C-alpha atoms as a PDB file:
ATOM      1  CA  MET A   1       0.000   0.000   0.000  1.00  0.00           C
ATOM      2  CA  GLU A   2       1.023   3.615  -0.455  1.00  0.00           C
ATOM      3  CA  ILE A   3       1.676   5.793   2.578  1.00  0.00           C
ATOM      4  CA  ARG A   4       0.433   9.353   2.182  1.00  0.00           C
ATOM      5  CA  LYS A   5      -0.691  10.493   5.632  1.00  0.00           C
ATOM      6  CA  VAL A   6       0.988   9.597   8.939  1.00  0.00           C
ATOM      7  CA  CYS A   7      -0.094  10.007  12.557  1.00  0.00           C
ATOM      8  CA  VAL A   8       2.496  10.162  15.338  1.00  0.00           C
ATOM      9  CA  ILE A   9       1.127   9.539  18.820  1.00  0.00           C
ATOM     10  CA  GLY A  10       3.379  11.110  21.436  1.00  0.00           C
ATOM     11  CA  GLY A  11       4.761  14.627  21.351  1.00  0.00           C
ATOM     12  CA  GLY A  12       7.848  14.034  23.471  1.00  0.00           C
ATOM     13  CA  ALA A  13      11.483  14.056  22.409  1.00  0.00           C
ATOM     14  CA  MET A  14      11.115  11.096  20.032  1.00  0.00           C
ATOM     15  CA  GLY A  15       7.601  11.669  18.729  1.00  0.00           C
ATOM     16  CA  ARG A  16       8.121  15.302  17.796  1.00  0.00           C
ATOM     17  CA  GLN A  17      11.307  14.537  15.874  1.00  0.00           C
ATOM     18  CA  ILE A  18       9.774  11.571  14.051  1.00  0.00           C
ATOM     19  CA  ALA A  19       6.823  13.768  13.092  1.00  0.00           C
ATOM     20  CA  LEU A  20       8.940  16.678  11.872  1.00  0.00           C
ATOM     21  CA  ASN A  21      11.303  14.409   9.944  1.00  0.00           C
ATOM     22  CA  THR A  22       8.302  12.816   8.220  1.00  0.00           C
ATOM     23  CA  ALA A  23       6.838  16.218   7.325  1.00  0.00           C
ATOM     24  CA  ILE A  24      10.155  17.403   5.893  1.00  0.00           C
ATOM     25  CA  TYR A  25      10.314  14.664   3.248  1.00  0.00           C
ATOM     26  CA  PRO A  26       7.337  15.423   2.665  1.00  0.00           C
ATOM     27  CA  PHE A  27       4.348  13.543   4.053  1.00  0.00           C
ATOM     28  CA  GLU A  28       1.191  14.881   5.621  1.00  0.00           C
ATOM     29  CA  VAL A  29       1.563  14.374   9.391  1.00  0.00           C
ATOM     30  CA  THR A  30      -0.665  14.696  12.433  1.00  0.00           C
ATOM     31  CA  VAL A  31       0.595  14.599  16.026  1.00  0.00           C
ATOM     32  CA  PHE A  32      -1.344  13.866  19.198  1.00  0.00           C
ATOM     33  CA  ASP A  33      -0.380  13.698  22.854  1.00  0.00           C
ATOM     34  CA  ALA A  34      -2.759  13.182  25.779  1.00  0.00           C
ATOM     35  CA  ASN A  35      -0.884  15.872  27.738  1.00  0.00           C
ATOM     36  CA  PRO A  36      -1.899  19.372  26.517  1.00  0.00           C
ATOM     37  CA  ALA A  37       1.289  20.866  27.973  1.00  0.00           C
ATOM     38  CA  CYS A  38       3.338  18.498  25.826  1.00  0.00           C
ATOM     39  CA  LEU A  39       1.520  19.736  22.716  1.00  0.00           C
ATOM     40  CA  GLU A  40       2.295  23.336  23.691  1.00  0.00           C
ATOM     41  CA  ASP A  41       5.957  22.455  24.129  1.00  0.00           C
ATOM     42  CA  LEU A  42       5.925  20.659  20.776  1.00  0.00           C
ATOM     43  CA  ALA A  43       4.509  23.714  18.981  1.00  0.00           C
ATOM     44  CA  ALA A  44       7.130  26.001  20.537  1.00  0.00           C
ATOM     45  CA  TRP A  45       9.926  23.541  19.768  1.00  0.00           C
ATOM     46  CA  GLU A  46       8.831  23.169  16.138  1.00  0.00           C
ATOM     47  CA  LYS A  47       8.694  26.941  15.682  1.00  0.00           C
ATOM     48  CA  ASN A  48      12.152  27.483  17.179  1.00  0.00           C
ATOM     49  CA  TYR A  49      13.728  24.563  15.317  1.00  0.00           C
ATOM     50  CA  LEU A  50      12.444  25.655  11.914  1.00  0.00           C
ATOM     51  CA  ALA A  51      13.369  29.295  12.582  1.00  0.00           C
ATOM     52  CA  GLY A  52      16.868  28.070  13.383  1.00  0.00           C
ATOM     53  CA  ARG A  53      17.041  26.161  10.094  1.00  0.00           C
ATOM     54  CA  ILE A  54      16.228  29.376   8.221  1.00  0.00           C
ATOM     55  CA  ALA A  55      18.727  31.420  10.261  1.00  0.00           C
ATOM     56  CA  LYS A  56      21.501  28.925   9.508  1.00  0.00           C
ATOM     57  CA  GLY A  57      20.664  28.778   5.822  1.00  0.00           C
ATOM     58  CA  ARG A  58      19.683  25.097   6.012  1.00  0.00           C
ATOM     59  CA  MET A  59      16.127  25.741   4.793  1.00  0.00           C
ATOM     60  CA  THR A  60      14.344  28.478   2.892  1.00  0.00           C
ATOM     61  CA  GLU A  61      11.266  30.263   4.164  1.00  0.00           C
ATOM     62  CA  GLU A  62       9.272  28.532   1.418  1.00  0.00           C
ATOM     63  CA  GLN A  63      10.439  25.102   2.590  1.00  0.00           C
ATOM     64  CA  VAL A  64       9.544  25.878   6.190  1.00  0.00           C
ATOM     65  CA  ALA A  65       6.106  27.150   5.163  1.00  0.00           C
ATOM     66  CA  GLY A  66       5.493  23.857   3.362  1.00  0.00           C
ATOM     67  CA  ILE A  67       6.568  21.815   6.390  1.00  0.00           C
ATOM     68  CA  LYS A  68       4.300  23.797   8.696  1.00  0.00           C
ATOM     69  CA  ALA A  69       1.389  23.298   6.305  1.00  0.00           C
ATOM     70  CA  ARG A  70       1.918  19.532   6.334  1.00  0.00           C
ATOM     71  CA  LEU A  71       2.330  19.137  10.115  1.00  0.00           C
ATOM     72  CA  THR A  72      -0.845  19.399  12.189  1.00  0.00           C
ATOM     73  CA  ILE A  73      -0.968  19.230  15.978  1.00  0.00           C
ATOM     74  CA  CYS A  74      -4.286  17.729  17.091  1.00  0.00           C
ATOM     75  CA  ASP A  75      -5.953  17.967  20.492  1.00  0.00           C
ATOM     76  CA  THR A  76      -7.950  14.744  20.101  1.00  0.00           C
ATOM     77  CA  LEU A  77      -6.901  11.253  19.074  1.00  0.00           C
ATOM     78  CA  GLU A  78      -9.895  10.963  16.765  1.00  0.00           C
ATOM     79  CA  ALA A  79      -8.855  14.035  14.780  1.00  0.00           C
ATOM     80  CA  ALA A  80      -5.239  12.880  14.569  1.00  0.00           C
ATOM     81  CA  LEU A  81      -6.211   9.452  13.216  1.00  0.00           C
ATOM     82  CA  LYS A  82      -8.656  10.603  10.561  1.00  0.00           C
ATOM     83  CA  ASP A  83      -7.837   9.045   7.156  1.00  0.00           C
ATOM     84  CA  VAL A  84      -4.250   8.114   8.092  1.00  0.00           C
ATOM     85  CA  ASP A  85      -2.325   5.346   6.330  1.00  0.00           C
ATOM     86  CA  LEU A  86       0.292   4.788   9.041  1.00  0.00           C
ATOM     87  CA  VAL A  87       0.317   5.245  12.821  1.00  0.00           C
ATOM     88  CA  ILE A  88       3.590   5.530  14.749  1.00  0.00           C
ATOM     89  CA  GLU A  89       3.121   5.192  18.504  1.00  0.00           C
ATOM     90  CA  ALA A  90       5.952   6.913  20.411  1.00  0.00           C
ATOM     91  CA  ILE A  91       4.679   7.206  23.980  1.00  0.00           C
ATOM     92  CA  VAL A  92       6.084   6.195  27.363  1.00  0.00           C
ATOM     93  CA  GLU A  93       7.672   2.723  27.594  1.00  0.00           C
ATOM     94  CA  ARG A  94       4.902   1.172  29.678  1.00  0.00           C
ATOM     95  CA  GLU A  95       3.107  -1.869  28.377  1.00  0.00           C
ATOM     96  CA  ASP A  96      -0.251  -1.071  29.983  1.00  0.00           C
ATOM     97  CA  ILE A  97      -0.377   2.437  28.523  1.00  0.00           C
ATOM     98  CA  LYS A  98       0.733   1.289  25.080  1.00  0.00           C
ATOM     99  CA  ARG A  99      -1.876  -1.476  25.145  1.00  0.00           C
ATOM    100  CA  SER A 100      -4.647   0.996  25.956  1.00  0.00           C
ATOM    101  CA  VAL A 101      -3.568   3.419  23.231  1.00  0.00           C
ATOM    102  CA  LEU A 102      -3.148   0.757  20.547  1.00  0.00           C
ATOM    103  CA  LYS A 103      -6.618  -0.634  21.298  1.00  0.00           C
ATOM    104  CA  GLN A 104      -8.067   2.851  20.760  1.00  0.00           C
ATOM    105  CA  VAL A 105      -6.068   3.252  17.567  1.00  0.00           C
ATOM    106  CA  SER A 106      -7.324  -0.070  16.203  1.00  0.00           C
ATOM    107  CA  ASP A 107     -10.922   0.999  16.822  1.00  0.00           C
ATOM    108  CA  LEU A 108     -10.521   4.368  15.123  1.00  0.00           C
ATOM    109  CA  VAL A 109      -8.447   3.725  11.973  1.00  0.00           C
ATOM    110  CA  ARG A 110      -9.275   1.953   8.717  1.00  0.00           C
ATOM    111  CA  PRO A 111      -8.828  -1.840   8.625  1.00  0.00           C
ATOM    112  CA  ASP A 112      -5.814  -1.452   6.317  1.00  0.00           C
ATOM    113  CA  THR A 113      -4.034   1.333   8.246  1.00  0.00           C
ATOM    114  CA  LEU A 114      -0.590   0.195   9.353  1.00  0.00           C
ATOM    115  CA  ILE A 115      -0.019   0.405  13.120  1.00  0.00           C
ATOM    116  CA  THR A 116       3.503   0.562  14.550  1.00  0.00           C
ATOM    117  CA  THR A 117       5.194   1.056  17.885  1.00  0.00           C
ATOM    118  CA  ASN A 118       8.491   2.885  18.269  1.00  0.00           C
ATOM    119  CA  SER A 119       9.304   0.808  21.346  1.00  0.00           C
ATOM    120  CA  SER A 120      12.920  -0.267  21.531  1.00  0.00           C
ATOM    121  CA  ARG A 121      12.180  -3.226  23.781  1.00  0.00           C
ATOM    122  CA  MET A 122       8.543  -4.281  23.627  1.00  0.00           C
ATOM    123  CA  VAL A 123       7.940  -6.490  20.608  1.00  0.00           C
ATOM    124  CA  ALA A 124       4.750  -5.784  18.663  1.00  0.00           C
ATOM    125  CA  SER A 125       3.404  -9.296  19.244  1.00  0.00           C
ATOM    126  CA  LEU A 126       2.695  -8.257  22.849  1.00  0.00           C
ATOM    127  CA  PHE A 127      -0.169  -6.199  21.399  1.00  0.00           C
ATOM    128  CA  LYS A 128      -1.361  -8.476  18.587  1.00  0.00           C
ATOM    129  CA  ASN A 129      -4.573  -9.358  20.467  1.00  0.00           C
ATOM    130  CA  ASP A 130      -5.320  -5.657  20.973  1.00  0.00           C
ATOM    131  CA  VAL A 131      -5.292  -4.806  17.276  1.00  0.00           C
ATOM    132  CA  ALA A 132      -7.801  -6.006  14.712  1.00  0.00           C
ATOM    133  CA  ASN A 133      -5.933  -7.618  11.800  1.00  0.00           C
ATOM    134  CA  PRO A 134      -2.497  -7.835  13.488  1.00  0.00           C
ATOM    135  CA  SER A 135      -0.855  -8.563  10.121  1.00  0.00           C
ATOM    136  CA  ARG A 136      -0.523  -4.757   9.857  1.00  0.00           C
ATOM    137  CA  LEU A 137       1.252  -4.409  13.237  1.00  0.00           C
ATOM    138  CA  ALA A 138       5.041  -4.060  13.600  1.00  0.00           C
ATOM    139  CA  ASN A 139       7.861  -2.313  15.450  1.00  0.00           C
ATOM    140  CA  LEU A 140       9.229   0.792  13.767  1.00  0.00           C
ATOM    141  CA  HIS A 141      12.133   1.735  16.012  1.00  0.00           C
ATOM    142  CA  TYR A 142      13.804   5.113  15.464  1.00  0.00           C
ATOM    143  CA  PHE A 143      16.935   6.280  17.265  1.00  0.00           C
ATOM    144  CA  ASN A 144      17.467   9.459  19.258  1.00  0.00           C
ATOM    145  CA  PRO A 145      17.768  12.128  17.912  1.00  0.00           C
ATOM    146  CA  ALA A 146      15.371  10.958  15.206  1.00  0.00           C
ATOM    147  CA  LEU A 147      15.984  14.001  13.002  1.00  0.00           C
ATOM    148  CA  VAL A 148      19.662  13.088  12.750  1.00  0.00           C
ATOM    149  CA  MET A 149      20.031   9.335  13.191  1.00  0.00           C
ATOM    150  CA  LYS A 150      19.593   7.439   9.932  1.00  0.00           C
ATOM    151  CA  LEU A 151      18.892   3.948  11.241  1.00  0.00           C
ATOM    152  CA  VAL A 152      15.382   2.567  11.735  1.00  0.00           C
ATOM    153  CA  GLU A 153      14.751  -1.024  12.836  1.00  0.00           C
ATOM    154  CA  VAL A 154      11.693  -2.627  11.223  1.00  0.00           C
ATOM    155  CA  VAL A 155      10.750  -5.735  13.218  1.00  0.00           C
ATOM    156  CA  LYS A 156       8.454  -8.315  11.633  1.00  0.00           C
ATOM    157  CA  GLY A 157       6.870 -10.714  14.098  1.00  0.00           C
ATOM    158  CA  GLU A 158       5.155 -13.922  13.020  1.00  0.00           C
ATOM    159  CA  HIS A 159       1.810 -12.100  13.118  1.00  0.00           C
ATOM    160  CA  CYS A 160       3.027  -9.398  10.700  1.00  0.00           C
ATOM    161  CA  SER A 161       2.659  -9.741   6.926  1.00  0.00           C
ATOM    162  CA  GLN A 162       5.551  -9.410   4.522  1.00  0.00           C
ATOM    163  CA  GLU A 163       3.596  -6.699   2.706  1.00  0.00           C
ATOM    164  CA  THR A 164       3.473  -4.631   5.893  1.00  0.00           C
ATOM    165  CA  ALA A 165       7.209  -5.064   6.446  1.00  0.00           C
ATOM    166  CA  ASN A 166       8.000  -4.149   2.838  1.00  0.00           C
ATOM    167  CA  THR A 167       5.804  -1.055   2.985  1.00  0.00           C
ATOM    168  CA  LEU A 168       7.473   0.124   6.189  1.00  0.00           C
ATOM    169  CA  MET A 169      10.935  -0.391   4.693  1.00  0.00           C
ATOM    170  CA  GLU A 170       9.988   1.741   1.677  1.00  0.00           C
ATOM    171  CA  PHE A 171       8.444   4.403   3.906  1.00  0.00           C
ATOM    172  CA  CYS A 172      11.652   4.674   5.919  1.00  0.00           C
ATOM    173  CA  LYS A 173      13.718   5.084   2.756  1.00  0.00           C
ATOM    174  CA  ALA A 174      11.299   7.741   1.510  1.00  0.00           C
ATOM    175  CA  THR A 175      11.904   9.757   4.697  1.00  0.00           C
ATOM    176  CA  GLY A 176      15.681   9.734   4.379  1.00  0.00           C
ATOM    177  CA  LYS A 177      16.314   6.817   6.726  1.00  0.00           C
ATOM    178  CA  THR A 178      18.383   3.649   6.375  1.00  0.00           C
ATOM    179  CA  PRO A 179      16.158   0.801   7.576  1.00  0.00           C
ATOM    180  CA  ILE A 180      17.094  -2.743   8.498  1.00  0.00           C
ATOM    181  CA  LEU A 181      14.592  -5.614   8.649  1.00  0.00           C
ATOM    182  CA  LEU A 182      14.442  -8.184  11.426  1.00  0.00           C
ATOM    183  CA  ASN A 183      12.611 -11.234  10.122  1.00  0.00           C
ATOM    184  CA  ARG A 184      11.875 -12.466  13.654  1.00  0.00           C
ATOM    185  CA  GLU A 185      11.280 -10.738  16.973  1.00  0.00           C
ATOM    186  CA  VAL A 186      14.075 -10.764  19.530  1.00  0.00           C
ATOM    187  CA  ASP A 187      14.417  -8.818  22.765  1.00  0.00           C
ATOM    188  CA  GLY A 188      16.348  -5.587  22.189  1.00  0.00           C
ATOM    189  CA  PHE A 189      16.431  -5.992  18.400  1.00  0.00           C
ATOM    190  CA  VAL A 190      19.910  -5.445  16.880  1.00  0.00           C
ATOM    191  CA  VAL A 191      21.427  -2.223  18.197  1.00  0.00           C
ATOM    192  CA  ASN A 192      20.184  -2.476  21.770  1.00  0.00           C
ATOM    193  CA  ARG A 193      21.363  -6.068  22.099  1.00  0.00           C
ATOM    194  CA  ILE A 194      24.854  -4.942  21.152  1.00  0.00           C
ATOM    195  CA  LEU A 195      24.589  -1.849  23.363  1.00  0.00           C
ATOM    196  CA  GLN A 196      23.373  -3.977  26.257  1.00  0.00           C
ATOM    197  CA  ALA A 197      26.552  -6.025  26.149  1.00  0.00           C
ATOM    198  CA  ILE A 198      28.665  -2.856  26.037  1.00  0.00           C
ATOM    199  CA  ASN A 199      26.687  -1.197  28.840  1.00  0.00           C
ATOM    200  CA  ASP A 200      26.883  -4.263  31.079  1.00  0.00           C
ATOM    201  CA  GLU A 201      30.661  -4.348  30.713  1.00  0.00           C
ATOM    202  CA  ALA A 202      30.934  -0.581  31.218  1.00  0.00           C
ATOM    203  CA  ARG A 203      28.849  -0.643  34.408  1.00  0.00           C
ATOM    204  CA  TRP A 204      30.761  -3.683  35.696  1.00  0.00           C
ATOM    205  CA  LEU A 205      34.102  -1.897  35.285  1.00  0.00           C
ATOM    206  CA  VAL A 206      32.809   1.089  37.258  1.00  0.00           C
ATOM    207  CA  GLN A 207      30.911  -0.973  39.839  1.00  0.00           C
ATOM    208  CA  GLU A 208      34.001  -3.074  40.622  1.00  0.00           C
ATOM    209  CA  GLY A 209      36.184   0.018  40.902  1.00  0.00           C
ATOM    210  CA  TYR A 210      38.453  -0.619  37.932  1.00  0.00           C
ATOM    211  CA  CYS A 211      37.963   2.879  36.543  1.00  0.00           C
ATOM    212  CA  SER A 212      35.593   5.839  36.516  1.00  0.00           C
ATOM    213  CA  TYR A 213      32.636   6.205  34.180  1.00  0.00           C
ATOM    214  CA  GLU A 214      34.398   9.224  32.652  1.00  0.00           C
ATOM    215  CA  ASP A 215      37.357   7.035  31.706  1.00  0.00           C
ATOM    216  CA  VAL A 216      35.054   4.396  30.205  1.00  0.00           C
ATOM    217  CA  ASP A 217      33.521   7.096  28.000  1.00  0.00           C
ATOM    218  CA  ILE A 218      36.950   8.413  27.023  1.00  0.00           C
ATOM    219  CA  ALA A 219      38.071   4.874  26.141  1.00  0.00           C
ATOM    220  CA  CYS A 220      35.039   4.176  23.960  1.00  0.00           C
ATOM    221  CA  GLU A 221      35.168   7.555  22.249  1.00  0.00           C
ATOM    222  CA  ASN A 222      38.912   7.572  21.602  1.00  0.00           C
ATOM    223  CA  GLY A 223      39.722   3.874  21.426  1.00  0.00           C
ATOM    224  CA  LEU A 224      36.641   2.528  19.636  1.00  0.00           C
ATOM    225  CA  SER A 225      35.694   5.713  17.745  1.00  0.00           C
ATOM    226  CA  HIS A 226      32.219   5.707  19.280  1.00  0.00           C
ATOM    227  CA  PRO A 227      30.671   9.173  18.866  1.00  0.00           C
ATOM    228  CA  MET A 228      29.544   9.005  22.495  1.00  0.00           C
ATOM    229  CA  GLY A 229      30.593   6.795  25.404  1.00  0.00           C
ATOM    230  CA  PRO A 230      28.012   4.532  27.099  1.00  0.00           C
ATOM    231  CA  PHE A 231      27.466   6.757  30.139  1.00  0.00           C
ATOM    232  CA  ARG A 232      27.169   9.948  28.107  1.00  0.00           C
ATOM    233  CA  LEU A 233      24.766   8.116  25.782  1.00  0.00           C
ATOM    234  CA  ASN A 234      22.783   6.911  28.794  1.00  0.00           C
ATOM    235  CA  ASP A 235      22.368  10.532  29.886  1.00  0.00           C
ATOM    236  CA  LEU A 236      21.032  11.387  26.440  1.00  0.00           C
ATOM    237  CA  THR A 237      18.501   8.553  26.240  1.00  0.00           C
ATOM    238  CA  GLY A 238      17.404   8.890  29.871  1.00  0.00           C
ATOM    239  CA  ILE A 239      18.387   7.086  33.071  1.00  0.00           C
ATOM    240  CA  ASP A 240      14.707   6.370  33.762  1.00  0.00           C
ATOM    241  CA  VAL A 241      14.395   4.634  30.395  1.00  0.00           C
ATOM    242  CA  THR A 242      17.401   2.488  31.318  1.00  0.00           C
ATOM    243  CA  LEU A 243      15.775   1.551  34.623  1.00  0.00           C
ATOM    244  CA  ASN A 244      12.574   0.519  32.830  1.00  0.00           C
ATOM    245  CA  VAL A 245      14.616  -1.785  30.592  1.00  0.00           C
ATOM    246  CA  MET A 246      16.542  -3.194  33.555  1.00  0.00           C
ATOM    247  CA  ASP A 247      13.297  -3.790  35.457  1.00  0.00           C
ATOM    248  CA  ARG A 248      12.031  -5.884  32.547  1.00  0.00           C
ATOM    249  CA  ARG A 249      15.263  -7.889  32.463  1.00  0.00           C
ATOM    250  CA  TYR A 250      15.046  -8.369  36.244  1.00  0.00           C
ATOM    251  CA  GLU A 251      11.455  -9.578  35.910  1.00  0.00           C
ATOM    252  CA  MET A 252      12.220 -11.885  32.968  1.00  0.00           C
ATOM    253  CA  PHE A 253      15.396 -13.514  34.283  1.00  0.00           C
ATOM    254  CA  GLY A 254      15.055 -13.200  38.066  1.00  0.00           C
ATOM    255  CA  GLU A 255      18.395 -11.541  38.747  1.00  0.00           C
ATOM    256  CA  LYS A 256      19.547  -7.949  38.920  1.00  0.00           C
ATOM    257  CA  PRO A 257      21.292  -6.679  35.789  1.00  0.00           C
ATOM    258  CA  ILE A 258      24.793  -5.344  36.346  1.00  0.00           C
ATOM    259  CA  GLY A 259      24.664  -1.854  37.820  1.00  0.00           C
ATOM    260  CA  TYR A 260      20.967  -2.086  38.682  1.00  0.00           C
ATOM    261  CA  ASP A 261      21.309  -0.516  42.148  1.00  0.00           C
ATOM    262  CA  MET A 262      23.380   2.355  40.766  1.00  0.00           C
ATOM    263  CA  ILE A 263      20.807   3.184  38.085  1.00  0.00           C
ATOM    264  CA  LYS A 264      17.871   2.835  40.483  1.00  0.00           C
ATOM    265  CA  SER A 265      19.448   5.187  43.028  1.00  0.00           C
ATOM    266  CA  MET A 266      20.057   7.781  40.298  1.00  0.00           C
ATOM    267  CA  VAL A 267      16.383   7.690  39.313  1.00  0.00           C
ATOM    268  CA  GLU A 268      15.326   8.015  42.960  1.00  0.00           C
ATOM    269  CA  GLU A 269      17.595  11.066  43.246  1.00  0.00           C
ATOM    270  CA  GLY A 270      16.034  12.610  40.144  1.00  0.00           C
ATOM    271  CA  ARG A 271      19.230  12.318  38.106  1.00  0.00           C
ATOM    272  CA  LEU A 272      17.449  11.289  34.903  1.00  0.00           C
ATOM    273  CA  GLY A 273      20.024  12.551  32.446  1.00  0.00           C
ATOM    274  CA  LYS A 274      20.451  15.476  30.122  1.00  0.00           C
ATOM    275  CA  LYS A 275      16.718  16.244  29.928  1.00  0.00           C
ATOM    276  CA  VAL A 276      16.736  17.372  33.586  1.00  0.00           C
ATOM    277  CA  GLY A 277      20.292  18.730  33.672  1.00  0.00           C
ATOM    278  CA  ARG A 278      21.875  15.946  35.743  1.00  0.00           C
ATOM    279  CA  GLY A 279      22.690  12.297  35.168  1.00  0.00           C
ATOM    280  CA  PHE A 280      26.152  10.842  35.236  1.00  0.00           C
ATOM    281  CA  TYR A 281      27.268  14.307  34.120  1.00  0.00           C
ATOM    282  CA  ASP A 282      26.182  17.783  35.217  1.00  0.00           C
ATOM    283  CA  TYR A 283      24.676  19.802  32.335  1.00  0.00           C
ATOM    284  CA  THR A 284      23.706  22.844  34.385  1.00  0.00           C
ATOM    285  CA  LYS A 285      27.124  24.462  34.188  1.00  0.00           C
END
């Protein structure tokens, strides 16, 4: 099927960038978030970002006018989902909330509308009984910051049709992304499985007192040519997000992941990463 109109559910850091990237390429895009304050922040962020593109000579005023015309912020889910061909859910990483939202989406969209979740950990098959015709349901996992990062992981569970997977791959390419296709679901997909191994080793080195987290970052950035060390990257993605992932691993396997107590204490102290000014590093200076 052809994708013409896209709805992004979630106006946070990921959702707003996915939506704007999609409108740039250009597709008609609607955005909805249940939190009105988040929609206000999104509108202000979009205005400032696009003004900055003009100021830096990256976009013309005509281009920005076209993007604004294609991107609509909606205050109801029903309005956002009207006549859309693809839905990208990018809300909080909580299974119960995602389940509720995806059930509503399934009831409101056309039977052939593709439904995707941007979750980096929860496989789409968790929600296959919540969506009518689950052959149209898949993971469409973007990376932060979604306006910059090229990779998108398309994950095809057994419930998902090949046509759906193919359409999502072509959509990603049409929006300037470099997609990869996972033919089977696996926890963490590709990138996060590799990152998990790196992060476990990094936290172990610090936990056992072999070196500081700063030195781990320096080693990865200067010895492995990583653009960002694991602790700096953790600050960017959010310490609370890391704890959610670790909680799932703890629940699934019955033992604490390496560094679990350290991450949990940081969340309890409110050190959630760059978004609040403090994580492993202090961003308030």
